[in-house]
N, C-alpha and C. Protein backbone atom coordinates (compact mmCIF):
# COMPACT_ATOMS: atom_id res chain seq x y z
N MET A 1 24.02 16.04 -26.55
CA MET A 1 23.55 14.67 -26.59
C MET A 1 24.37 13.79 -25.64
N LYS A 2 25.70 14.06 -25.64
CA LYS A 2 26.56 13.30 -24.74
C LYS A 2 26.20 13.55 -23.29
N ARG A 3 25.86 14.78 -22.97
CA ARG A 3 25.50 15.14 -21.61
C ARG A 3 24.23 14.40 -21.17
N LEU A 4 23.27 14.27 -22.06
CA LEU A 4 22.03 13.57 -21.75
C LEU A 4 22.29 12.09 -21.49
N VAL A 5 23.09 11.47 -22.33
CA VAL A 5 23.41 10.05 -22.16
C VAL A 5 24.16 9.82 -20.85
N MET A 6 25.12 10.69 -20.55
CA MET A 6 25.87 10.55 -19.30
C MET A 6 24.96 10.76 -18.08
N SER A 7 24.04 11.69 -18.17
CA SER A 7 23.11 11.93 -17.07
C SER A 7 22.23 10.72 -16.82
N LEU A 8 21.75 10.11 -17.89
CA LEU A 8 20.92 8.91 -17.75
C LEU A 8 21.72 7.75 -17.18
N ALA A 9 22.97 7.61 -17.59
CA ALA A 9 23.82 6.54 -17.07
C ALA A 9 24.09 6.72 -15.58
N VAL A 10 24.37 7.95 -15.16
CA VAL A 10 24.61 8.23 -13.75
C VAL A 10 23.34 8.00 -12.94
N ALA A 11 22.20 8.40 -13.45
CA ALA A 11 20.93 8.19 -12.75
C ALA A 11 20.64 6.70 -12.59
N ALA A 12 20.88 5.92 -13.63
CA ALA A 12 20.65 4.47 -13.55
C ALA A 12 21.59 3.82 -12.54
N ALA A 13 22.86 4.25 -12.52
CA ALA A 13 23.82 3.70 -11.57
C ALA A 13 23.43 4.04 -10.13
N LEU A 14 23.00 5.26 -9.90
CA LEU A 14 22.57 5.66 -8.55
C LEU A 14 21.31 4.91 -8.12
N ALA A 15 20.40 4.69 -9.03
CA ALA A 15 19.18 3.94 -8.70
C ALA A 15 19.51 2.50 -8.34
N ALA A 16 20.41 1.87 -9.09
CA ALA A 16 20.81 0.49 -8.78
C ALA A 16 21.53 0.42 -7.45
N ALA A 17 22.43 1.36 -7.18
CA ALA A 17 23.16 1.37 -5.92
C ALA A 17 22.22 1.60 -4.74
N GLY A 18 21.25 2.48 -4.91
CA GLY A 18 20.29 2.74 -3.84
C GLY A 18 19.44 1.53 -3.53
N THR A 19 19.04 0.81 -4.56
CA THR A 19 18.23 -0.39 -4.37
C THR A 19 19.01 -1.45 -3.62
N MET A 20 20.26 -1.66 -4.02
CA MET A 20 21.09 -2.66 -3.33
C MET A 20 21.35 -2.26 -1.88
N ALA A 21 21.56 -1.00 -1.63
CA ALA A 21 21.80 -0.54 -0.26
C ALA A 21 20.55 -0.72 0.60
N PHE A 22 19.39 -0.45 0.03
CA PHE A 22 18.13 -0.62 0.76
C PHE A 22 17.89 -2.08 1.10
N ASP A 23 18.15 -3.00 0.14
CA ASP A 23 17.96 -4.42 0.40
C ASP A 23 18.93 -4.92 1.47
N THR A 24 20.14 -4.42 1.47
CA THR A 24 21.13 -4.82 2.47
C THR A 24 20.73 -4.30 3.84
N ALA A 25 20.20 -3.09 3.91
CA ALA A 25 19.81 -2.51 5.19
C ALA A 25 18.61 -3.22 5.79
N ARG A 26 17.72 -3.75 4.95
CA ARG A 26 16.54 -4.46 5.47
C ARG A 26 16.93 -5.72 6.21
N GLY A 27 17.88 -6.47 5.68
CA GLY A 27 18.39 -7.65 6.35
C GLY A 27 17.41 -8.80 6.37
N PRO A 28 17.78 -9.91 7.02
CA PRO A 28 16.95 -11.11 7.04
C PRO A 28 15.75 -11.01 7.98
N GLN A 29 15.73 -10.04 8.89
CA GLN A 29 14.62 -9.94 9.83
C GLN A 29 13.31 -9.67 9.10
N SER A 30 13.33 -8.78 8.13
CA SER A 30 12.10 -8.44 7.44
C SER A 30 11.67 -9.58 6.53
N THR A 31 12.59 -10.40 6.05
CA THR A 31 12.23 -11.57 5.25
C THR A 31 11.48 -12.57 6.13
N ALA A 32 11.95 -12.77 7.35
CA ALA A 32 11.29 -13.68 8.28
C ALA A 32 9.92 -13.14 8.67
N ALA A 33 9.82 -11.84 8.86
CA ALA A 33 8.53 -11.24 9.21
C ALA A 33 7.55 -11.36 8.05
N LEU A 34 8.04 -11.23 6.83
CA LEU A 34 7.18 -11.37 5.67
C LEU A 34 6.68 -12.80 5.53
N ALA A 35 7.53 -13.77 5.80
CA ALA A 35 7.13 -15.17 5.71
C ALA A 35 6.10 -15.50 6.79
N ALA A 36 6.20 -14.88 7.95
CA ALA A 36 5.24 -15.14 9.02
C ALA A 36 3.90 -14.49 8.72
N ALA A 37 3.87 -13.46 7.90
CA ALA A 37 2.63 -12.76 7.60
C ALA A 37 1.93 -13.34 6.37
N THR A 38 2.43 -14.45 5.83
CA THR A 38 1.79 -15.06 4.68
C THR A 38 1.35 -16.47 5.02
N LYS A 39 0.46 -17.00 4.20
CA LYS A 39 0.04 -18.39 4.35
C LYS A 39 0.07 -19.05 2.98
N VAL A 40 0.20 -20.35 2.98
CA VAL A 40 0.28 -21.11 1.74
C VAL A 40 -1.11 -21.64 1.41
N CYS A 41 -1.55 -21.39 0.19
CA CYS A 41 -2.85 -21.87 -0.28
C CYS A 41 -2.61 -22.99 -1.29
N LYS A 42 -3.39 -24.05 -1.19
CA LYS A 42 -3.26 -25.18 -2.11
C LYS A 42 -4.64 -25.60 -2.59
N SER A 43 -4.70 -25.99 -3.87
CA SER A 43 -5.94 -26.47 -4.44
C SER A 43 -5.63 -27.38 -5.62
N LYS A 44 -6.49 -28.33 -5.86
CA LYS A 44 -6.32 -29.22 -7.02
C LYS A 44 -6.94 -28.57 -8.24
N THR A 45 -6.24 -28.64 -9.36
CA THR A 45 -6.75 -28.12 -10.63
C THR A 45 -7.66 -29.18 -11.26
N PRO A 46 -8.47 -28.79 -12.24
CA PRO A 46 -9.29 -29.79 -12.93
C PRO A 46 -8.46 -30.88 -13.60
N ALA A 47 -7.22 -30.59 -13.94
CA ALA A 47 -6.33 -31.58 -14.55
C ALA A 47 -5.74 -32.54 -13.54
N GLY A 48 -5.96 -32.29 -12.24
CA GLY A 48 -5.48 -33.17 -11.19
C GLY A 48 -4.19 -32.74 -10.54
N LYS A 49 -3.58 -31.65 -11.00
CA LYS A 49 -2.35 -31.16 -10.40
C LYS A 49 -2.68 -30.28 -9.21
N THR A 50 -1.72 -30.12 -8.29
CA THR A 50 -1.90 -29.27 -7.13
C THR A 50 -1.31 -27.90 -7.42
N LYS A 51 -2.13 -26.87 -7.28
CA LYS A 51 -1.70 -25.48 -7.48
C LYS A 51 -1.40 -24.90 -6.11
N THR A 52 -0.24 -24.25 -5.95
CA THR A 52 0.17 -23.66 -4.68
C THR A 52 0.49 -22.20 -4.89
N TRP A 53 -0.02 -21.32 -4.01
CA TRP A 53 0.28 -19.90 -4.05
C TRP A 53 0.24 -19.34 -2.65
N ARG A 54 0.77 -18.14 -2.46
CA ARG A 54 0.84 -17.51 -1.13
C ARG A 54 -0.09 -16.31 -1.07
N CYS A 55 -0.74 -16.17 0.08
CA CYS A 55 -1.60 -15.02 0.34
C CYS A 55 -1.22 -14.44 1.70
N GLY A 56 -1.64 -13.22 1.95
CA GLY A 56 -1.43 -12.60 3.24
C GLY A 56 -2.23 -13.31 4.31
N ALA A 57 -1.84 -13.13 5.56
CA ALA A 57 -2.51 -13.80 6.67
C ALA A 57 -3.96 -13.37 6.79
N ASP A 58 -4.28 -12.14 6.35
CA ASP A 58 -5.65 -11.64 6.45
C ASP A 58 -6.43 -11.79 5.14
N GLN A 59 -5.89 -12.51 4.17
CA GLN A 59 -6.55 -12.69 2.89
C GLN A 59 -7.06 -14.12 2.74
N ALA A 60 -8.15 -14.27 2.02
CA ALA A 60 -8.72 -15.58 1.76
C ALA A 60 -8.07 -16.19 0.52
N CYS A 61 -8.03 -17.52 0.47
CA CYS A 61 -7.55 -18.22 -0.72
C CYS A 61 -8.74 -18.41 -1.64
N CYS A 62 -8.70 -17.78 -2.80
CA CYS A 62 -9.84 -17.81 -3.72
C CYS A 62 -9.55 -18.69 -4.93
N VAL A 63 -10.50 -19.56 -5.25
CA VAL A 63 -10.35 -20.48 -6.37
C VAL A 63 -11.58 -20.38 -7.26
N ASN A 64 -11.37 -20.20 -8.55
CA ASN A 64 -12.43 -20.25 -9.54
C ASN A 64 -11.98 -21.25 -10.59
N LYS A 65 -12.43 -22.51 -10.44
CA LYS A 65 -11.94 -23.57 -11.31
C LYS A 65 -12.46 -23.44 -12.73
N THR A 66 -13.63 -22.85 -12.93
CA THR A 66 -14.14 -22.71 -14.30
C THR A 66 -13.30 -21.74 -15.11
N MET A 67 -12.78 -20.69 -14.48
CA MET A 67 -11.94 -19.73 -15.19
C MET A 67 -10.46 -20.04 -15.00
N GLY A 68 -10.12 -20.97 -14.10
CA GLY A 68 -8.73 -21.34 -13.88
C GLY A 68 -7.94 -20.29 -13.12
N THR A 69 -8.60 -19.56 -12.21
CA THR A 69 -7.90 -18.55 -11.44
C THR A 69 -7.73 -19.00 -9.99
N TYR A 70 -6.55 -18.76 -9.48
CA TYR A 70 -6.20 -19.08 -8.10
C TYR A 70 -5.54 -17.83 -7.55
N VAL A 71 -6.29 -17.02 -6.80
CA VAL A 71 -5.82 -15.71 -6.36
C VAL A 71 -6.10 -15.52 -4.88
N CYS A 72 -5.62 -14.40 -4.35
CA CYS A 72 -5.87 -14.02 -2.96
C CYS A 72 -7.06 -13.07 -2.91
N GLY A 73 -7.85 -13.19 -1.87
CA GLY A 73 -9.02 -12.34 -1.71
C GLY A 73 -8.66 -10.98 -1.16
N ILE A 74 -9.66 -10.14 -1.05
CA ILE A 74 -9.50 -8.79 -0.52
C ILE A 74 -9.68 -8.84 0.99
N PRO A 75 -8.75 -8.28 1.77
CA PRO A 75 -8.88 -8.30 3.22
C PRO A 75 -10.21 -7.69 3.67
N GLY A 76 -10.92 -8.41 4.51
CA GLY A 76 -12.20 -7.92 5.03
C GLY A 76 -13.39 -8.26 4.14
N LEU A 77 -13.17 -8.48 2.87
CA LEU A 77 -14.25 -8.80 1.94
C LEU A 77 -14.23 -10.23 1.45
N GLY A 78 -13.09 -10.87 1.54
CA GLY A 78 -12.97 -12.25 1.08
C GLY A 78 -12.92 -12.33 -0.43
N CYS A 79 -13.50 -13.40 -0.97
CA CYS A 79 -13.50 -13.61 -2.42
C CYS A 79 -14.75 -12.98 -3.03
N LEU A 80 -14.56 -12.10 -3.98
CA LEU A 80 -15.70 -11.47 -4.64
C LEU A 80 -15.96 -12.09 -5.98
């Protein structure tokens, strides 16, 4: 039982270390590229507030006010 617990602890530590190393290796360049590939969508809610969300550059900003959904569309198909 001790061996199982230790194995799980080592696996969790390695997974956390790998994730942090991957994020460090990506650097700020990919964050800037991600921001350039997105667009900001804005719409007024029925209550009068402004709802803001982000979609990909090739996605449509989809609003369904009756159901209260503000989502991104499917690339090439738009809002279904």
